[in-house]
Amino acid sequence: MIRTERHPPFTALVLAGRRGGEDPVAQHAHVAAKCLVPAGGVPMVARVLDALDASPSVGRIIVVLEDPAILDPLLGSQRWRREQSCTAMTGAASPSLSVLRALDERPESLPMLVTTADHPLLSPEIVEHFCVSARATGADVAAGVTTAEVIRAAYPETRRTYLRFRKSRCSGANLFALLTPGSRRAVAFWRRVEQDRKRPWRMVRAFGLGPLLAYALGRLSLDAAMARASEIIGADVAAVRLPFAEAAIDVDKPADLALVEAILARRGGG
């Protein structure tokens, strides 16, 4: 595990809300919320909280969801190491708005680590590697990615969505570091992306036809994409390449849950 230096701890924000409609994984598992779906016999959100709680870089933990009361049995179990280190808050209408709400209501929360509750293979080692590497970028905001080579070497059976860059294909890791006040501009841009998802021409106009053509032709490097994103957003954006296949395995569908269960079974449930 990477050793951490003395820095202000991250506030970890765990997004656990629905993205609209009934969630297929929650339905499959017959539970009220996706974050409560068992993975290896333990609710997914509890596994995420375990990883964050055991990470030296993380201080407070905030779980965001529609009805915080559903986590009362977990948060009241004193499972985590620090008294009142883990709390819940009501989410907003979208993930980006929930992050903005957290920044508004808790301005002292920077630096902030944003992740999701459907990330049951998250480990303290992954969290530490990401937090330390994100700080080292000197950027306003950093996003974790894992290459296809790393993922397929460990789990050739998994099917991920990859972004195709000039020298690599990458999958997102659902790990984001908001490191400076300037990172708020990145969250505001995220909000624009959410609003314009049905009007892709607006995103084309924002990024420019040249970079998008370069991406479509496989000629755009990951670093060049981050540089262009920094120009558009008005904040310095960096990618953190993670050497952990598990960092890219979240649970969006029942097949993902089956893979996670198989991985945990190989480990003996840990």
Protein backbone atom coordinates (compact mmCIF):
# COMPACT_ATOMS: atom_id res chain seq x y z
CA MET A 1 0.00 0.00 0.00
CA ILE A 2 1.23 3.51 -0.81
CA ARG A 3 2.27 5.41 2.31
CA THR A 4 0.37 8.62 2.92
CA GLU A 5 1.93 11.91 4.02
CA ARG A 6 0.28 14.33 6.42
CA HIS A 7 -2.52 16.05 4.55
CA PRO A 8 -6.04 17.12 5.45
CA PRO A 9 -8.16 13.97 5.25
CA PHE A 10 -10.65 13.45 2.46
CA THR A 11 -14.34 13.58 3.15
CA ALA A 12 -15.72 10.54 1.34
CA LEU A 13 -19.08 11.05 -0.37
CA VAL A 14 -20.77 7.75 -1.27
CA LEU A 15 -23.51 8.11 -3.88
CA ALA A 16 -26.15 5.48 -3.14
CA GLY A 17 -29.29 6.87 -4.76
CA ARG A 18 -31.34 5.57 -7.68
CA ARG A 19 -30.91 6.99 -11.17
CA GLY A 20 -34.58 6.72 -12.04
CA GLY A 21 -37.05 3.83 -12.10
CA GLU A 22 -36.67 0.46 -10.45
CA ASP A 23 -33.13 -0.82 -10.23
CA PRO A 24 -32.68 -4.26 -11.86
CA VAL A 25 -30.07 -5.37 -9.31
CA ALA A 26 -32.28 -4.43 -6.35
CA GLN A 27 -35.21 -6.22 -7.98
CA HIS A 28 -33.05 -9.27 -8.63
CA ALA A 29 -32.00 -9.39 -4.96
CA HIS A 30 -35.46 -8.47 -3.61
CA VAL A 31 -34.23 -5.58 -1.48
CA ALA A 32 -35.52 -2.02 -1.08
CA ALA A 33 -32.42 -0.29 -2.42
CA LYS A 34 -29.51 -1.28 -4.61
CA CYS A 35 -26.95 -0.28 -1.98
CA LEU A 36 -28.40 -2.99 0.33
CA VAL A 37 -27.90 -5.80 -2.20
CA PRO A 38 -25.74 -8.48 -0.51
CA ALA A 39 -22.35 -9.28 -2.05
CA GLY A 40 -20.75 -12.23 -0.33
CA GLY A 41 -23.42 -11.94 2.34
CA VAL A 42 -22.62 -8.29 3.14
CA PRO A 43 -24.57 -5.27 1.81
CA MET A 44 -22.60 -3.61 -0.98
CA VAL A 45 -22.64 -0.23 0.75
CA ALA A 46 -21.19 -1.80 3.92
CA ARG A 47 -18.27 -3.16 1.92
CA VAL A 48 -17.63 0.29 0.48
CA LEU A 49 -17.82 1.87 3.93
CA ASP A 50 -15.43 -0.76 5.31
CA ALA A 51 -12.86 0.12 2.65
CA LEU A 52 -13.19 3.85 3.24
CA ASP A 53 -13.15 3.53 7.01
CA ALA A 54 -9.92 1.51 6.91
CA SER A 55 -8.19 4.05 4.66
CA PRO A 56 -5.84 6.50 6.43
CA SER A 57 -6.53 9.22 3.82
CA VAL A 58 -10.26 9.29 4.64
CA GLY A 59 -11.80 11.19 7.52
CA ARG A 60 -15.57 11.64 7.51
CA ILE A 61 -17.86 9.51 5.36
CA ILE A 62 -21.22 10.72 4.05
CA VAL A 63 -23.68 8.41 2.29
CA VAL A 64 -26.14 10.11 -0.06
CA LEU A 65 -29.48 8.49 -0.89
CA GLU A 66 -33.19 9.27 -1.25
CA ASP A 67 -34.17 7.96 2.17
CA PRO A 68 -31.30 8.02 4.69
CA ALA A 69 -33.46 6.10 7.16
CA ILE A 70 -32.87 2.85 5.28
CA LEU A 71 -29.26 2.96 6.47
CA ASP A 72 -30.14 3.47 10.15
CA PRO A 73 -29.58 -0.21 11.08
CA LEU A 74 -26.11 -0.13 9.46
CA LEU A 75 -25.02 3.27 10.70
CA GLY A 76 -26.32 2.51 14.17
CA SER A 77 -24.35 -0.72 14.41
CA GLN A 78 -21.10 1.06 15.40
CA ARG A 79 -19.43 -1.08 12.76
CA TRP A 80 -16.99 1.68 11.81
CA ARG A 81 -13.96 2.73 13.79
CA ARG A 82 -14.69 6.34 14.69
CA GLU A 83 -17.78 7.47 16.54
CA GLN A 84 -20.02 9.44 14.20
CA SER A 85 -17.46 9.13 11.37
CA CYS A 86 -20.20 7.92 9.02
CA THR A 87 -23.46 9.79 8.43
CA ALA A 88 -26.17 9.92 5.78
CA MET A 89 -27.78 12.82 3.92
CA THR A 90 -30.71 13.14 1.56
CA GLY A 91 -29.69 13.24 -2.07
CA ALA A 92 -30.74 15.74 -4.71
CA ALA A 93 -32.37 15.02 -8.07
CA SER A 94 -29.15 13.83 -9.73
CA PRO A 95 -25.64 12.70 -8.74
CA SER A 96 -24.05 16.02 -9.69
CA LEU A 97 -26.64 17.99 -7.74
CA SER A 98 -26.04 15.75 -4.72
CA VAL A 99 -22.33 16.54 -4.86
CA LEU A 100 -23.06 20.26 -5.21
CA ARG A 101 -25.43 20.06 -2.24
CA ALA A 102 -22.75 18.39 -0.14
CA LEU A 103 -20.23 21.10 -1.10
CA ASP A 104 -22.76 23.84 -0.26
CA GLU A 105 -23.86 22.36 3.06
CA ARG A 106 -20.37 21.25 4.11
CA PRO A 107 -17.89 23.72 2.64
CA GLU A 108 -15.17 22.30 4.88
CA SER A 109 -15.45 18.93 3.09
CA LEU A 110 -12.62 19.55 0.61
CA PRO A 111 -10.72 17.54 -0.34
CA MET A 112 -13.60 15.26 -1.21
CA LEU A 113 -13.49 11.70 -2.50
CA VAL A 114 -16.61 10.78 -4.47
CA THR A 115 -17.47 7.15 -5.09
CA THR A 116 -20.54 4.94 -5.37
CA ALA A 117 -22.24 2.35 -3.19
CA ASP A 118 -22.27 -0.29 -5.96
CA HIS A 119 -18.49 -0.78 -5.72
CA PRO A 120 -18.25 -3.82 -3.41
CA LEU A 121 -14.70 -4.80 -4.48
CA LEU A 122 -13.32 -1.46 -3.33
CA SER A 123 -10.43 -1.98 -0.92
CA PRO A 124 -8.38 0.24 1.39
CA GLU A 125 -5.40 -0.30 -0.93
CA ILE A 126 -7.34 1.00 -3.94
CA VAL A 127 -8.62 3.98 -1.97
CA GLU A 128 -5.14 4.88 -0.66
CA HIS A 129 -3.49 4.50 -4.05
CA PHE A 130 -6.10 6.75 -5.62
CA CYS A 131 -6.05 9.42 -2.91
CA VAL A 132 -2.27 9.67 -2.80
CA SER A 133 -1.96 9.66 -6.59
CA ALA A 134 -4.74 12.23 -6.99
CA ARG A 135 -3.00 14.64 -4.61
CA ALA A 136 0.26 14.14 -6.52
CA THR A 137 -1.32 15.34 -9.79
CA GLY A 138 -1.63 18.89 -8.46
CA ALA A 139 -4.96 19.10 -10.32
CA ASP A 140 -8.26 20.56 -9.19
CA VAL A 141 -10.05 17.29 -9.85
CA ALA A 142 -8.88 13.76 -10.61
CA ALA A 143 -10.70 10.71 -11.95
CA GLY A 144 -9.66 7.09 -11.54
CA VAL A 145 -9.39 4.83 -14.60
CA THR A 146 -8.20 1.27 -15.19
CA THR A 147 -6.89 -0.03 -18.50
CA ALA A 148 -8.42 -2.91 -20.40
CA GLU A 149 -5.10 -4.76 -20.16
CA VAL A 150 -5.19 -4.70 -16.35
CA ILE A 151 -8.84 -5.75 -16.20
CA ARG A 152 -8.63 -8.56 -18.74
CA ALA A 153 -5.43 -9.95 -17.26
CA ALA A 154 -7.23 -10.48 -13.95
CA TYR A 155 -10.80 -11.17 -15.09
CA PRO A 156 -10.97 -12.15 -18.78
CA GLU A 157 -14.62 -13.10 -18.35
CA THR A 158 -15.82 -9.60 -17.43
CA ARG A 159 -17.37 -7.25 -19.96
CA ARG A 160 -16.72 -3.58 -19.32
CA THR A 161 -17.43 -0.38 -21.22
CA TYR A 162 -14.16 1.10 -22.45
CA LEU A 163 -13.16 4.52 -23.72
CA ARG A 164 -10.76 4.07 -26.62
CA PHE A 165 -7.69 6.31 -26.58
CA ARG A 166 -4.60 6.36 -28.78
CA LYS A 167 -2.51 3.90 -26.80
CA SER A 168 -4.99 2.32 -24.45
CA ARG A 169 -8.59 1.56 -23.65
CA CYS A 170 -9.79 2.62 -20.22
CA SER A 171 -12.74 1.96 -17.97
CA GLY A 172 -13.88 4.36 -15.29
CA ALA A 173 -13.37 3.39 -11.66
CA ASN A 174 -16.12 5.44 -9.96
CA LEU A 175 -13.47 7.30 -7.99
CA PHE A 176 -13.23 11.08 -8.19
CA ALA A 177 -11.16 13.48 -6.11
CA LEU A 178 -12.30 17.09 -5.67
CA LEU A 179 -9.08 18.65 -4.46
CA THR A 180 -9.52 22.43 -4.61
CA PRO A 181 -12.35 24.98 -4.68
CA GLY A 182 -11.84 25.06 -8.47
CA SER A 183 -13.18 21.50 -8.63
CA ARG A 184 -16.67 22.92 -8.23
CA ARG A 185 -16.46 24.02 -11.88
CA ALA A 186 -15.98 20.38 -12.84
CA VAL A 187 -19.08 19.38 -10.89
CA ALA A 188 -21.03 22.19 -12.59
CA PHE A 189 -19.85 20.85 -15.96
CA TRP A 190 -20.97 17.37 -14.89
CA ARG A 191 -24.38 18.90 -14.29
CA ARG A 192 -24.37 20.24 -17.87
CA VAL A 193 -23.56 16.76 -19.15
CA GLU A 194 -26.51 15.33 -17.21
CA GLN A 195 -28.83 17.96 -18.63
CA ASP A 196 -27.56 17.60 -22.21
CA ARG A 197 -27.44 13.81 -22.40
CA LYS A 198 -30.36 13.85 -24.86
CA ARG A 199 -28.82 16.72 -26.84
CA PRO A 200 -25.36 15.39 -27.73
CA TRP A 201 -24.73 18.16 -30.26
CA ARG A 202 -24.24 20.52 -27.33
CA MET A 203 -21.40 18.35 -26.06
CA VAL A 204 -19.89 18.28 -29.54
CA ARG A 205 -20.02 22.08 -29.59
CA ALA A 206 -18.44 22.27 -26.14
CA PHE A 207 -15.49 19.99 -26.88
CA GLY A 208 -15.00 20.92 -30.51
CA LEU A 209 -15.28 18.72 -33.58
CA GLY A 210 -11.50 18.19 -33.89
CA PRO A 211 -10.94 16.46 -30.54
CA LEU A 212 -14.08 14.37 -30.97
CA LEU A 213 -12.99 13.23 -34.44
CA ALA A 214 -9.56 12.39 -33.03
CA TYR A 215 -11.24 10.33 -30.32
CA ALA A 216 -13.51 8.58 -32.83
CA LEU A 217 -10.45 7.64 -34.91
CA GLY A 218 -8.51 6.41 -31.90
CA ARG A 219 -5.94 9.21 -32.21
CA LEU A 220 -6.68 11.07 -28.99
CA SER A 221 -4.51 10.19 -26.01
CA LEU A 222 -5.90 10.07 -22.48
CA ASP A 223 -3.65 12.93 -21.40
CA ALA A 224 -4.72 15.05 -24.40
CA ALA A 225 -8.35 14.35 -23.52
CA MET A 226 -7.73 15.54 -19.95
CA ALA A 227 -6.02 18.67 -21.25
CA ARG A 228 -8.98 19.46 -23.52
CA ALA A 229 -11.43 18.79 -20.68
CA SER A 230 -9.44 21.18 -18.48
CA GLU A 231 -9.79 23.93 -21.10
CA ILE A 232 -13.53 23.42 -21.46
CA ILE A 233 -14.28 23.09 -17.76
CA GLY A 234 -11.99 25.85 -16.55
CA ALA A 235 -10.37 23.59 -13.97
CA ASP A 236 -7.33 21.36 -14.11
CA VAL A 237 -8.48 17.77 -14.66
CA ALA A 238 -6.22 14.73 -14.37
CA ALA A 239 -6.62 10.98 -14.80
CA VAL A 240 -5.23 8.55 -12.22
CA ARG A 241 -4.36 5.19 -13.76
CA LEU A 242 -5.11 2.46 -11.23
CA PRO A 243 -3.28 -0.90 -11.34
CA PHE A 244 -6.27 -2.72 -9.81
CA ALA A 245 -8.76 -4.57 -12.00
CA GLU A 246 -11.27 -4.55 -9.13
CA ALA A 247 -11.40 -0.75 -9.23
CA ALA A 248 -13.36 -0.91 -12.48
CA ILE A 249 -15.88 -3.57 -11.44
CA ASP A 250 -19.08 -2.02 -10.19
CA VAL A 251 -22.53 -3.61 -10.14
CA ASP A 252 -24.89 -2.24 -12.77
CA LYS A 253 -26.67 -5.47 -13.64
CA PRO A 254 -27.23 -8.96 -12.19
CA ALA A 255 -24.36 -10.38 -14.28
CA ASP A 256 -21.98 -7.94 -12.55
CA LEU A 257 -23.24 -9.13 -9.18
CA ALA A 258 -22.60 -12.74 -10.20
CA LEU A 259 -19.00 -11.84 -11.11
CA VAL A 260 -18.49 -10.06 -7.79
CA GLU A 261 -19.92 -13.03 -5.90
CA ALA A 262 -17.53 -15.35 -7.75
CA ILE A 263 -14.54 -13.12 -6.95
CA LEU A 264 -15.49 -12.91 -3.28
CA ALA A 265 -16.02 -16.67 -3.14
CA ARG A 266 -12.49 -17.19 -4.48
CA ARG A 267 -11.24 -14.97 -1.68
CA GLY A 268 -13.28 -16.79 0.93
CA GLY A 269 -15.84 -13.97 1.17
CA GLY A 270 -13.36 -11.20 2.06
